[in-house]
């Protein structure tokens, strides 16, 4: 394989660099995934492509190349949570707590069709070091009635095998963008995260056609979880709409912050979550219910999730009169 032509296309300098066509990027990514080029060539290409900045067509071609290798399951009534693969340091993962909240919700609202949550994990990827999804998922018993965890080593081994090469580069590459939503379960709904509007548009253009509904969340550390005031973007017709999420509107006053949170700390938090943390859990579940089109708004979903709690409070107030 003449891989040098792709390195030359993206790495000869600002005046001579060019974007690859979709066919070219597919062939280049195929060459990397199938080890048809030297690891040094793959590293050079990924680094130079990142410095050039990937075009929308290059991102789409990379995703198309990856999809040929993914061993897919079929759980259409599911929401894929597109966590980043480089881990978290400031806040715990909440997703193991989503199960009990969703189970209670579906028991109380039998008219609403249940769904699963789809979460992917792999070894820690660059560009930072933190607690990563697979590390937590392997240390805890997840409720497989609600959460379907997919180990990327099993459904996309070719990309998983590039972990050591990516660690040597210690920088983000085109794979960091594409891997967030690989849709291993053919989910109809998905949530992923972005911090800046240009990436929102990129993600909707890149991933939107794969889902009936895609919500882009300004989540914590590239995750699909909210811990502070945030916002989300969703496509309505041809327009991308931005809406705020303010914790005060949900009577949430969460102020905890961690430094380089460990697996042990995260497990302890999950074993004994505070009242404020459980409010956050319900807010995040409300976002998921809205994304899955089960409820017309995040506010309505949060109200429904707290309905039983409200009834208990009113009951005790009545007894104390």
C-alpha atoms as a PDB file:
ATOM      1  CA  UNK A   1       0.000   0.000   0.000  1.00  0.00           C
ATOM      2  CA  UNK A   2       1.365   3.419  -0.978  1.00  0.00           C
ATOM      3  CA  UNK A   3       0.481   5.152   2.278  1.00  0.00           C
ATOM      4  CA  UNK A   4       3.002   7.946   1.810  1.00  0.00           C
ATOM      5  CA  UNK A   5       0.655   9.773  -0.591  1.00  0.00           C
ATOM      6  CA  UNK A   6      -1.790  10.351   2.265  1.00  0.00           C
ATOM      7  CA  UNK A   7       0.947  11.641   4.585  1.00  0.00           C
ATOM      8  CA  UNK A   8       2.089  13.982   1.817  1.00  0.00           C
ATOM      9  CA  UNK A   9      -1.450  15.262   1.236  1.00  0.00           C
ATOM     10  CA  UNK A  10      -1.918  16.388   4.843  1.00  0.00           C
ATOM     11  CA  UNK A  11       1.676  17.110   5.880  1.00  0.00           C
ATOM     12  CA  UNK A  12       3.544  19.190   3.284  1.00  0.00           C
ATOM     13  CA  UNK A  13       2.750  22.571   4.800  1.00  0.00           C
ATOM     14  CA  UNK A  14      -0.075  25.137   4.905  1.00  0.00           C
ATOM     15  CA  UNK A  15       0.285  26.081   1.224  1.00  0.00           C
ATOM     16  CA  UNK A  16       0.276  22.526  -0.103  1.00  0.00           C
ATOM     17  CA  UNK A  17      -1.905  20.612   2.362  1.00  0.00           C
ATOM     18  CA  UNK A  18      -5.271  19.471   1.092  1.00  0.00           C
ATOM     19  CA  UNK A  19      -8.339  17.700   2.405  1.00  0.00           C
ATOM     20  CA  UNK A  20      -8.652  14.062   1.431  1.00  0.00           C
ATOM     21  CA  UNK A  21     -11.691  12.917  -0.516  1.00  0.00           C
ATOM     22  CA  UNK A  22     -14.055  10.507   1.202  1.00  0.00           C
ATOM     23  CA  UNK A  23     -12.633   7.636  -0.853  1.00  0.00           C
ATOM     24  CA  UNK A  24      -9.073   8.562   0.130  1.00  0.00           C
ATOM     25  CA  UNK A  25      -9.776   8.865   3.851  1.00  0.00           C
ATOM     26  CA  UNK A  26     -11.644   5.529   3.815  1.00  0.00           C
ATOM     27  CA  UNK A  27      -8.633   3.851   2.195  1.00  0.00           C
ATOM     28  CA  UNK A  28      -6.235   5.535   4.637  1.00  0.00           C
ATOM     29  CA  UNK A  29      -8.257   4.532   7.727  1.00  0.00           C
ATOM     30  CA  UNK A  30      -8.646   1.004   6.324  1.00  0.00           C
ATOM     31  CA  UNK A  31      -4.865   0.855   5.954  1.00  0.00           C
ATOM     32  CA  UNK A  32      -4.368   1.876   9.584  1.00  0.00           C
ATOM     33  CA  UNK A  33      -7.034  -0.483  10.984  1.00  0.00           C
ATOM     34  CA  UNK A  34      -5.734  -3.416   8.950  1.00  0.00           C
ATOM     35  CA  UNK A  35      -2.049  -2.700   9.683  1.00  0.00           C
ATOM     36  CA  UNK A  36      -1.326  -2.240   5.974  1.00  0.00           C
ATOM     37  CA  UNK A  37       1.047   0.609   6.774  1.00  0.00           C
ATOM     38  CA  UNK A  38       3.921   0.967   9.235  1.00  0.00           C
ATOM     39  CA  UNK A  39       2.971   2.163  12.709  1.00  0.00           C
ATOM     40  CA  UNK A  40       5.265   5.181  12.229  1.00  0.00           C
ATOM     41  CA  UNK A  41       3.361   6.087   9.061  1.00  0.00           C
ATOM     42  CA  UNK A  42       0.023   5.725  10.828  1.00  0.00           C
ATOM     43  CA  UNK A  43       1.232   7.933  13.695  1.00  0.00           C
ATOM     44  CA  UNK A  44       2.543  10.600  11.332  1.00  0.00           C
ATOM     45  CA  UNK A  45      -0.669  10.634   9.334  1.00  0.00           C
ATOM     46  CA  UNK A  46      -2.956  10.873  12.380  1.00  0.00           C
ATOM     47  CA  UNK A  47      -0.856  13.657  13.894  1.00  0.00           C
ATOM     48  CA  UNK A  48      -0.618  15.700  10.689  1.00  0.00           C
ATOM     49  CA  UNK A  49      -4.312  15.235   9.923  1.00  0.00           C
ATOM     50  CA  UNK A  50      -5.110  16.601  13.381  1.00  0.00           C
ATOM     51  CA  UNK A  51      -2.826  19.607  12.916  1.00  0.00           C
ATOM     52  CA  UNK A  52      -4.428  20.334   9.534  1.00  0.00           C
ATOM     53  CA  UNK A  53      -7.875  19.946  11.159  1.00  0.00           C
ATOM     54  CA  UNK A  54     -10.179  17.284   9.784  1.00  0.00           C
ATOM     55  CA  UNK A  55     -12.798  18.326   7.255  1.00  0.00           C
ATOM     56  CA  UNK A  56     -16.412  17.222   7.560  1.00  0.00           C
ATOM     57  CA  UNK A  57     -15.876  14.857   4.626  1.00  0.00           C
ATOM     58  CA  UNK A  58     -12.812  13.326   6.273  1.00  0.00           C
ATOM     59  CA  UNK A  59     -14.746  12.766   9.500  1.00  0.00           C
ATOM     60  CA  UNK A  60     -17.640  11.191   7.584  1.00  0.00           C
ATOM     61  CA  UNK A  61     -15.241   8.954   5.655  1.00  0.00           C
ATOM     62  CA  UNK A  62     -13.498   7.852   8.837  1.00  0.00           C
ATOM     63  CA  UNK A  63     -16.838   6.912  10.419  1.00  0.00           C
ATOM     64  CA  UNK A  64     -17.846   5.028   7.270  1.00  0.00           C
ATOM     65  CA  UNK A  65     -14.554   3.122   7.295  1.00  0.00           C
ATOM     66  CA  UNK A  66     -15.027   2.201  10.965  1.00  0.00           C
ATOM     67  CA  UNK A  67     -18.594   0.997  10.456  1.00  0.00           C
ATOM     68  CA  UNK A  68     -17.380  -1.810   8.201  1.00  0.00           C
ATOM     69  CA  UNK A  69     -15.613  -3.440  11.149  1.00  0.00           C
ATOM     70  CA  UNK A  70     -18.147  -2.977  13.955  1.00  0.00           C
ATOM     71  CA  UNK A  71     -19.974  -6.114  15.088  1.00  0.00           C
ATOM     72  CA  UNK A  72     -23.440  -4.691  15.751  1.00  0.00           C
ATOM     73  CA  UNK A  73     -26.199  -5.804  18.061  1.00  0.00           C
ATOM     74  CA  UNK A  74     -29.819  -4.747  17.520  1.00  0.00           C
ATOM     75  CA  UNK A  75     -31.510  -2.862  20.367  1.00  0.00           C
ATOM     76  CA  UNK A  76     -33.352  -0.066  18.557  1.00  0.00           C
ATOM     77  CA  UNK A  77     -35.296   0.999  21.658  1.00  0.00           C
ATOM     78  CA  UNK A  78     -32.177   2.260  23.374  1.00  0.00           C
ATOM     79  CA  UNK A  79     -30.300   5.475  24.032  1.00  0.00           C
ATOM     80  CA  UNK A  80     -26.582   5.438  23.293  1.00  0.00           C
ATOM     81  CA  UNK A  81     -24.642   7.536  25.813  1.00  0.00           C
ATOM     82  CA  UNK A  82     -21.563   8.752  23.976  1.00  0.00           C
ATOM     83  CA  UNK A  83     -18.966   9.089  26.718  1.00  0.00           C
ATOM     84  CA  UNK A  84     -15.427  10.135  25.838  1.00  0.00           C
ATOM     85  CA  UNK A  85     -12.764   7.449  26.161  1.00  0.00           C
ATOM     86  CA  UNK A  86     -10.169   9.627  27.930  1.00  0.00           C
ATOM     87  CA  UNK A  87     -11.742   9.462  31.377  1.00  0.00           C
ATOM     88  CA  UNK A  88     -12.901  11.883  34.075  1.00  0.00           C
ATOM     89  CA  UNK A  89     -11.047  13.526  36.954  1.00  0.00           C
ATOM     90  CA  UNK A  90     -13.400  16.114  38.532  1.00  0.00           C
ATOM     91  CA  UNK A  91     -16.675  14.232  39.037  1.00  0.00           C
ATOM     92  CA  UNK A  92     -17.866  10.630  39.456  1.00  0.00           C
ATOM     93  CA  UNK A  93     -19.738   8.629  36.859  1.00  0.00           C
ATOM     94  CA  UNK A  94     -23.448   8.524  37.605  1.00  0.00           C
ATOM     95  CA  UNK A  95     -24.701   6.041  35.016  1.00  0.00           C
ATOM     96  CA  UNK A  96     -24.864   2.985  37.359  1.00  0.00           C
ATOM     97  CA  UNK A  97     -27.484   4.908  39.386  1.00  0.00           C
ATOM     98  CA  UNK A  98     -29.688   5.510  36.345  1.00  0.00           C
ATOM     99  CA  UNK A  99     -30.981   1.914  36.453  1.00  0.00           C
ATOM    100  CA  UNK A 100     -33.012   2.109  39.656  1.00  0.00           C
ATOM    101  CA  UNK A 101     -34.481   5.493  38.715  1.00  0.00           C
ATOM    102  CA  UNK A 102     -35.534   4.263  35.280  1.00  0.00           C
ATOM    103  CA  UNK A 103     -36.868   0.971  36.665  1.00  0.00           C
ATOM    104  CA  UNK A 104     -39.089   2.869  39.119  1.00  0.00           C
ATOM    105  CA  UNK A 105     -40.206   5.236  36.383  1.00  0.00           C
ATOM    106  CA  UNK A 106     -41.242   2.438  34.003  1.00  0.00           C
ATOM    107  CA  UNK A 107     -43.106   0.633  36.820  1.00  0.00           C
ATOM    108  CA  UNK A 108     -45.063   3.786  37.623  1.00  0.00           C
ATOM    109  CA  UNK A 109     -45.713   4.661  33.967  1.00  0.00           C
ATOM    110  CA  UNK A 110     -46.615   1.430  32.246  1.00  0.00           C
ATOM    111  CA  UNK A 111     -48.032   3.408  29.314  1.00  0.00           C
ATOM    112  CA  UNK A 112     -44.464   4.490  28.416  1.00  0.00           C
ATOM    113  CA  UNK A 113     -42.362   2.023  26.434  1.00  0.00           C
ATOM    114  CA  UNK A 114     -39.148   1.071  28.275  1.00  0.00           C
ATOM    115  CA  UNK A 115     -35.744   1.363  26.666  1.00  0.00           C
ATOM    116  CA  UNK A 116     -32.140   0.441  27.426  1.00  0.00           C
ATOM    117  CA  UNK A 117     -29.039   2.542  27.863  1.00  0.00           C
ATOM    118  CA  UNK A 118     -26.091   1.634  25.645  1.00  0.00           C
ATOM    119  CA  UNK A 119     -22.616   2.473  26.932  1.00  0.00           C
ATOM    120  CA  UNK A 120     -19.254   1.660  25.330  1.00  0.00           C
ATOM    121  CA  UNK A 121     -15.871   1.371  26.983  1.00  0.00           C
ATOM    122  CA  UNK A 122     -12.289   0.506  26.202  1.00  0.00           C
ATOM    123  CA  UNK A 123      -8.808   1.002  27.631  1.00  0.00           C
ATOM    124  CA  UNK A 124      -7.981   4.598  28.499  1.00  0.00           C
ATOM    125  CA  UNK A 125      -7.359   6.706  25.387  1.00  0.00           C
ATOM    126  CA  UNK A 126      -5.491  10.031  25.119  1.00  0.00           C
ATOM    127  CA  UNK A 127      -5.463  12.994  25.599  1.00  0.00           C
ATOM    128  CA  UNK A 128      -5.825  13.038  29.381  1.00  0.00           C
ATOM    129  CA  UNK A 129      -5.645  10.508  32.187  1.00  0.00           C
ATOM    130  CA  UNK A 130      -8.685   9.856  34.329  1.00  0.00           C
ATOM    131  CA  UNK A 131     -11.136   7.285  35.576  1.00  0.00           C
ATOM    132  CA  UNK A 132     -12.610   5.670  32.470  1.00  0.00           C
ATOM    133  CA  UNK A 133     -15.922   3.992  31.723  1.00  0.00           C
ATOM    134  CA  UNK A 134     -14.624   0.440  31.235  1.00  0.00           C
ATOM    135  CA  UNK A 135     -12.696   0.594  34.508  1.00  0.00           C
ATOM    136  CA  UNK A 136     -15.883   1.373  36.431  1.00  0.00           C
ATOM    137  CA  UNK A 137     -18.110  -0.973  34.419  1.00  0.00           C
ATOM    138  CA  UNK A 138     -15.832  -3.917  35.198  1.00  0.00           C
ATOM    139  CA  UNK A 139     -15.758  -3.108  38.923  1.00  0.00           C
ATOM    140  CA  UNK A 140     -19.505  -2.945  39.489  1.00  0.00           C
ATOM    141  CA  UNK A 141     -22.506  -5.102  38.678  1.00  0.00           C
ATOM    142  CA  UNK A 142     -24.625  -3.190  36.199  1.00  0.00           C
ATOM    143  CA  UNK A 143     -28.343  -3.863  35.819  1.00  0.00           C
ATOM    144  CA  UNK A 144     -28.390  -5.477  32.390  1.00  0.00           C
ATOM    145  CA  UNK A 145     -32.148  -5.029  32.171  1.00  0.00           C
ATOM    146  CA  UNK A 146     -31.472  -1.312  31.753  1.00  0.00           C
ATOM    147  CA  UNK A 147     -27.774  -0.903  30.863  1.00  0.00           C
ATOM    148  CA  UNK A 148     -26.092  -2.697  27.984  1.00  0.00           C
ATOM    149  CA  UNK A 149     -22.326  -2.271  28.290  1.00  0.00           C
ATOM    150  CA  UNK A 150     -20.275  -2.903  25.160  1.00  0.00           C
ATOM    151  CA  UNK A 151     -16.554  -3.580  25.431  1.00  0.00           C
ATOM    152  CA  UNK A 152     -14.971  -2.152  22.296  1.00  0.00           C
ATOM    153  CA  UNK A 153     -12.331  -4.859  22.381  1.00  0.00           C
ATOM    154  CA  UNK A 154     -15.156  -7.259  21.495  1.00  0.00           C
ATOM    155  CA  UNK A 155     -17.168  -5.282  18.956  1.00  0.00           C
ATOM    156  CA  UNK A 156     -14.414  -3.236  17.280  1.00  0.00           C
ATOM    157  CA  UNK A 157     -11.103  -4.925  17.994  1.00  0.00           C
ATOM    158  CA  UNK A 158      -9.270  -3.150  15.184  1.00  0.00           C
ATOM    159  CA  UNK A 159      -9.708   0.260  16.806  1.00  0.00           C
ATOM    160  CA  UNK A 160      -9.075  -1.086  20.307  1.00  0.00           C
ATOM    161  CA  UNK A 161      -5.756  -2.478  19.086  1.00  0.00           C
ATOM    162  CA  UNK A 162      -4.601   1.050  18.206  1.00  0.00           C
ATOM    163  CA  UNK A 163      -4.632   2.098  21.870  1.00  0.00           C
ATOM    164  CA  UNK A 164      -0.862   1.811  22.404  1.00  0.00           C
ATOM    165  CA  UNK A 165      -0.116   3.759  19.224  1.00  0.00           C
ATOM    166  CA  UNK A 166      -2.529   6.499  20.271  1.00  0.00           C
ATOM    167  CA  UNK A 167      -0.982   6.644  23.742  1.00  0.00           C
ATOM    168  CA  UNK A 168       2.460   7.192  22.219  1.00  0.00           C
ATOM    169  CA  UNK A 169       1.083  10.171  20.301  1.00  0.00           C
ATOM    170  CA  UNK A 170      -0.601  11.489  23.458  1.00  0.00           C
ATOM    171  CA  UNK A 171      -2.837  13.815  21.469  1.00  0.00           C
ATOM    172  CA  UNK A 172      -6.346  13.783  20.141  1.00  0.00           C
ATOM    173  CA  UNK A 173      -6.801  12.314  16.664  1.00  0.00           C
ATOM    174  CA  UNK A 174      -9.693  11.871  14.260  1.00  0.00           C
ATOM    175  CA  UNK A 175     -10.660   8.739  16.217  1.00  0.00           C
ATOM    176  CA  UNK A 176     -11.463  10.780  19.348  1.00  0.00           C
ATOM    177  CA  UNK A 177     -14.277  12.468  17.452  1.00  0.00           C
ATOM    178  CA  UNK A 178     -15.621   9.476  15.550  1.00  0.00           C
ATOM    179  CA  UNK A 179     -15.501   6.952  18.414  1.00  0.00           C
ATOM    180  CA  UNK A 180     -17.960   8.862  20.614  1.00  0.00           C
ATOM    181  CA  UNK A 181     -20.993   7.408  18.807  1.00  0.00           C
ATOM    182  CA  UNK A 182     -20.249   4.147  16.999  1.00  0.00           C
ATOM    183  CA  UNK A 183     -23.788   2.843  17.622  1.00  0.00           C
ATOM    184  CA  UNK A 184     -22.953  -0.812  18.425  1.00  0.00           C
ATOM    185  CA  UNK A 185     -26.617  -1.607  19.244  1.00  0.00           C
ATOM    186  CA  UNK A 186     -28.355   0.222  16.374  1.00  0.00           C
ATOM    187  CA  UNK A 187     -29.883   2.615  18.915  1.00  0.00           C
ATOM    188  CA  UNK A 188     -32.572   5.016  17.726  1.00  0.00           C
ATOM    189  CA  UNK A 189     -31.526   7.718  20.176  1.00  0.00           C
ATOM    190  CA  UNK A 190     -28.211   9.151  21.320  1.00  0.00           C
ATOM    191  CA  UNK A 191     -26.595  11.753  23.536  1.00  0.00           C
ATOM    192  CA  UNK A 192     -23.048  13.015  23.228  1.00  0.00           C
ATOM    193  CA  UNK A 193     -21.217  16.079  24.457  1.00  0.00           C
ATOM    194  CA  UNK A 194     -19.620  19.206  23.023  1.00  0.00           C
ATOM    195  CA  UNK A 195     -18.430  22.512  24.440  1.00  0.00           C
ATOM    196  CA  UNK A 196     -18.489  24.772  21.382  1.00  0.00           C
ATOM    197  CA  UNK A 197     -21.157  25.471  18.767  1.00  0.00           C
ATOM    198  CA  UNK A 198     -18.926  24.554  15.771  1.00  0.00           C
ATOM    199  CA  UNK A 199     -18.531  21.029  17.203  1.00  0.00           C
ATOM    200  CA  UNK A 200     -22.276  20.803  17.800  1.00  0.00           C
ATOM    201  CA  UNK A 201     -22.848  21.373  14.099  1.00  0.00           C
ATOM    202  CA  UNK A 202     -20.058  18.908  13.262  1.00  0.00           C
ATOM    203  CA  UNK A 203     -21.539  16.179  15.461  1.00  0.00           C
ATOM    204  CA  UNK A 204     -25.069  16.653  14.174  1.00  0.00           C
ATOM    205  CA  UNK A 205     -23.801  16.506  10.598  1.00  0.00           C
ATOM    206  CA  UNK A 206     -21.586  13.488  11.322  1.00  0.00           C
ATOM    207  CA  UNK A 207     -23.867  11.375  13.530  1.00  0.00           C
ATOM    208  CA  UNK A 208     -27.382  12.754  13.041  1.00  0.00           C
ATOM    209  CA  UNK A 209     -28.369  10.472  10.158  1.00  0.00           C
ATOM    210  CA  UNK A 210     -27.756   7.385  12.334  1.00  0.00           C
ATOM    211  CA  UNK A 211     -30.410   8.296  14.927  1.00  0.00           C
ATOM    212  CA  UNK A 212     -34.055   9.222  15.123  1.00  0.00           C
ATOM    213  CA  UNK A 213     -33.078  11.795  17.745  1.00  0.00           C
ATOM    214  CA  UNK A 214     -29.646  13.120  18.722  1.00  0.00           C
ATOM    215  CA  UNK A 215     -29.059  15.487  21.649  1.00  0.00           C
ATOM    216  CA  UNK A 216     -25.751  17.290  22.113  1.00  0.00           C
ATOM    217  CA  UNK A 217     -25.089  18.162  25.745  1.00  0.00           C
ATOM    218  CA  UNK A 218     -22.519  20.448  27.298  1.00  0.00           C
ATOM    219  CA  UNK A 219     -21.611  17.722  29.746  1.00  0.00           C
ATOM    220  CA  UNK A 220     -18.956  17.329  32.410  1.00  0.00           C
ATOM    221  CA  UNK A 221     -15.468  16.573  31.049  1.00  0.00           C
ATOM    222  CA  UNK A 222     -16.739  15.363  27.703  1.00  0.00           C
ATOM    223  CA  UNK A 223     -19.265  13.025  29.303  1.00  0.00           C
ATOM    224  CA  UNK A 224     -23.021  12.878  28.830  1.00  0.00           C
ATOM    225  CA  UNK A 225     -23.658  13.801  32.468  1.00  0.00           C
ATOM    226  CA  UNK A 226     -24.579  17.205  33.916  1.00  0.00           C
ATOM    227  CA  UNK A 227     -23.184  18.403  37.273  1.00  0.00           C
ATOM    228  CA  UNK A 228     -23.597  22.180  36.920  1.00  0.00           C
ATOM    229  CA  UNK A 229     -25.489  24.753  34.875  1.00  0.00           C
ATOM    230  CA  UNK A 230     -25.311  23.624  31.292  1.00  0.00           C
ATOM    231  CA  UNK A 231     -27.045  23.702  27.921  1.00  0.00           C
ATOM    232  CA  UNK A 232     -28.044  21.352  25.162  1.00  0.00           C
ATOM    233  CA  UNK A 233     -28.589  21.490  21.437  1.00  0.00           C
ATOM    234  CA  UNK A 234     -31.112  19.585  19.394  1.00  0.00           C
ATOM    235  CA  UNK A 235     -32.227  19.778  15.785  1.00  0.00           C
ATOM    236  CA  UNK A 236     -35.810  20.900  15.242  1.00  0.00           C
ATOM    237  CA  UNK A 237     -36.624  20.732  11.553  1.00  0.00           C
ATOM    238  CA  UNK A 238     -33.639  22.297   9.808  1.00  0.00           C
ATOM    239  CA  UNK A 239     -32.667  24.480  12.761  1.00  0.00           C
ATOM    240  CA  UNK A 240     -30.272  23.677  15.595  1.00  0.00           C
ATOM    241  CA  UNK A 241     -31.878  24.944  18.803  1.00  0.00           C
ATOM    242  CA  UNK A 242     -29.902  25.767  21.958  1.00  0.00           C
ATOM    243  CA  UNK A 243     -31.580  25.563  25.368  1.00  0.00           C
ATOM    244  CA  UNK A 244     -30.235  26.143  28.909  1.00  0.00           C
ATOM    245  CA  UNK A 245     -30.235  23.734  31.839  1.00  0.00           C
ATOM    246  CA  UNK A 246     -30.126  25.603  35.168  1.00  0.00           C
ATOM    247  CA  UNK A 247     -29.818  23.553  38.333  1.00  0.00           C
ATOM    248  CA  UNK A 248     -31.754  26.148  40.351  1.00  0.00           C
ATOM    249  CA  UNK A 249     -34.806  25.513  38.151  1.00  0.00           C
ATOM    250  CA  UNK A 250     -34.799  21.954  39.502  1.00  0.00           C
ATOM    251  CA  UNK A 251     -34.038  22.957  43.104  1.00  0.00           C
ATOM    252  CA  UNK A 252     -30.586  21.362  42.882  1.00  0.00           C
ATOM    253  CA  UNK A 253     -27.686  22.786  44.856  1.00  0.00           C
ATOM    254  CA  UNK A 254     -24.796  20.441  44.082  1.00  0.00           C
ATOM    255  CA  UNK A 255     -21.349  21.848  44.934  1.00  0.00           C
ATOM    256  CA  UNK A 256     -19.080  18.795  45.267  1.00  0.00           C
ATOM    257  CA  UNK A 257     -15.890  18.676  43.235  1.00  0.00           C
ATOM    258  CA  UNK A 258     -13.091  16.122  43.237  1.00  0.00           C
ATOM    259  CA  UNK A 259      -9.437  16.098  42.274  1.00  0.00           C
ATOM    260  CA  UNK A 260      -8.308  13.114  40.234  1.00  0.00           C
ATOM    261  CA  UNK A 261     -11.207  10.978  41.419  1.00  0.00           C
ATOM    262  CA  UNK A 262     -10.293   7.316  41.890  1.00  0.00           C
ATOM    263  CA  UNK A 263     -12.253   4.159  41.197  1.00  0.00           C
ATOM    264  CA  UNK A 264     -12.573   3.544  44.942  1.00  0.00           C
ATOM    265  CA  UNK A 265     -13.996   7.042  45.510  1.00  0.00           C
ATOM    266  CA  UNK A 266     -16.494   6.617  42.694  1.00  0.00           C
ATOM    267  CA  UNK A 267     -17.640   3.257  44.069  1.00  0.00           C
ATOM    268  CA  UNK A 268     -18.161   4.729  47.549  1.00  0.00           C
ATOM    269  CA  UNK A 269     -20.220   7.573  46.087  1.00  0.00           C
ATOM    270  CA  UNK A 270     -22.415   5.097  44.212  1.00  0.00           C
ATOM    271  CA  UNK A 271     -22.906   2.986  47.349  1.00  0.00           C
ATOM    272  CA  UNK A 272     -24.114   5.931  49.413  1.00  0.00           C
ATOM    273  CA  UNK A 273     -25.185   8.834  47.186  1.00  0.00           C
ATOM    274  CA  UNK A 274     -26.215  12.102  48.836  1.00  0.00           C
ATOM    275  CA  UNK A 275     -29.690  13.580  48.424  1.00  0.00           C
ATOM    276  CA  UNK A 276     -28.315  16.338  46.168  1.00  0.00           C
ATOM    277  CA  UNK A 277     -26.467  13.815  44.034  1.00  0.00           C
ATOM    278  CA  UNK A 278     -29.670  11.804  43.578  1.00  0.00           C
ATOM    279  CA  UNK A 279     -31.386  14.984  42.374  1.00  0.00           C
ATOM    280  CA  UNK A 280     -28.638  15.252  39.773  1.00  0.00           C
ATOM    281  CA  UNK A 281     -29.140  11.610  38.831  1.00  0.00           C
ATOM    282  CA  UNK A 282     -32.840  12.278  38.237  1.00  0.00           C
ATOM    283  CA  UNK A 283     -32.045  15.363  36.160  1.00  0.00           C
ATOM    284  CA  UNK A 284     -29.718  13.308  33.974  1.00  0.00           C
ATOM    285  CA  UNK A 285     -32.369  10.601  33.615  1.00  0.00           C
ATOM    286  CA  UNK A 286     -34.884  13.315  32.673  1.00  0.00           C
ATOM    287  CA  UNK A 287     -32.541  14.400  29.870  1.00  0.00           C
ATOM    288  CA  UNK A 288     -32.385  10.792  28.673  1.00  0.00           C
ATOM    289  CA  UNK A 289     -36.194  10.410  28.764  1.00  0.00           C
ATOM    290  CA  UNK A 290     -36.525  13.583  26.704  1.00  0.00           C
ATOM    291  CA  UNK A 291     -33.933  12.358  24.199  1.00  0.00           C
ATOM    292  CA  UNK A 292     -35.811   9.058  23.825  1.00  0.00           C
ATOM    293  CA  UNK A 293     -38.988  11.039  23.051  1.00  0.00           C
ATOM    294  CA  UNK A 294     -40.830   9.494  26.004  1.00  0.00           C
ATOM    295  CA  UNK A 295     -41.614  12.893  27.557  1.00  0.00           C
ATOM    296  CA  UNK A 296     -42.094  16.257  25.830  1.00  0.00           C
ATOM    297  CA  UNK A 297     -39.550  18.190  27.915  1.00  0.00           C
ATOM    298  CA  UNK A 298     -36.763  17.742  30.454  1.00  0.00           C
ATOM    299  CA  UNK A 299     -38.789  19.729  32.979  1.00  0.00           C
ATOM    300  CA  UNK A 300     -41.827  17.457  32.591  1.00  0.00           C
ATOM    301  CA  UNK A 301     -39.673  14.324  32.860  1.00  0.00           C
ATOM    302  CA  UNK A 302     -38.042  15.609  36.053  1.00  0.00           C
ATOM    303  CA  UNK A 303     -41.458  16.387  37.528  1.00  0.00           C
ATOM    304  CA  UNK A 304     -42.664  12.864  36.720  1.00  0.00           C
ATOM    305  CA  UNK A 305     -39.536  11.320  38.255  1.00  0.00           C
ATOM    306  CA  UNK A 306     -40.181  13.197  41.499  1.00  0.00           C
ATOM    307  CA  UNK A 307     -43.938  12.625  41.617  1.00  0.00           C
ATOM    308  CA  UNK A 308     -43.716   9.753  44.125  1.00  0.00           C
ATOM    309  CA  UNK A 309     -41.350  11.760  46.340  1.00  0.00           C
ATOM    310  CA  UNK A 310     -43.736  14.712  46.274  1.00  0.00           C
ATOM    311  CA  UNK A 311     -46.632  12.482  47.308  1.00  0.00           C
ATOM    312  CA  UNK A 312     -44.616  11.152  50.276  1.00  0.00           C
ATOM    313  CA  UNK A 313     -43.758  14.698  51.402  1.00  0.00           C
ATOM    314  CA  UNK A 314     -47.410  15.749  51.198  1.00  0.00           C
ATOM    315  CA  UNK A 315     -48.437  12.625  53.143  1.00  0.00           C
ATOM    316  CA  UNK A 316     -46.023  13.385  56.002  1.00  0.00           C
ATOM    317  CA  UNK A 317     -47.100  17.022  56.082  1.00  0.00           C
ATOM    318  CA  UNK A 318     -50.723  15.837  56.390  1.00  0.00           C
ATOM    319  CA  UNK A 319     -49.806  13.488  59.269  1.00  0.00           C
ATOM    320  CA  UNK A 320     -47.966  16.252  61.116  1.00  0.00           C
ATOM    321  CA  UNK A 321     -50.925  18.664  61.046  1.00  0.00           C
END
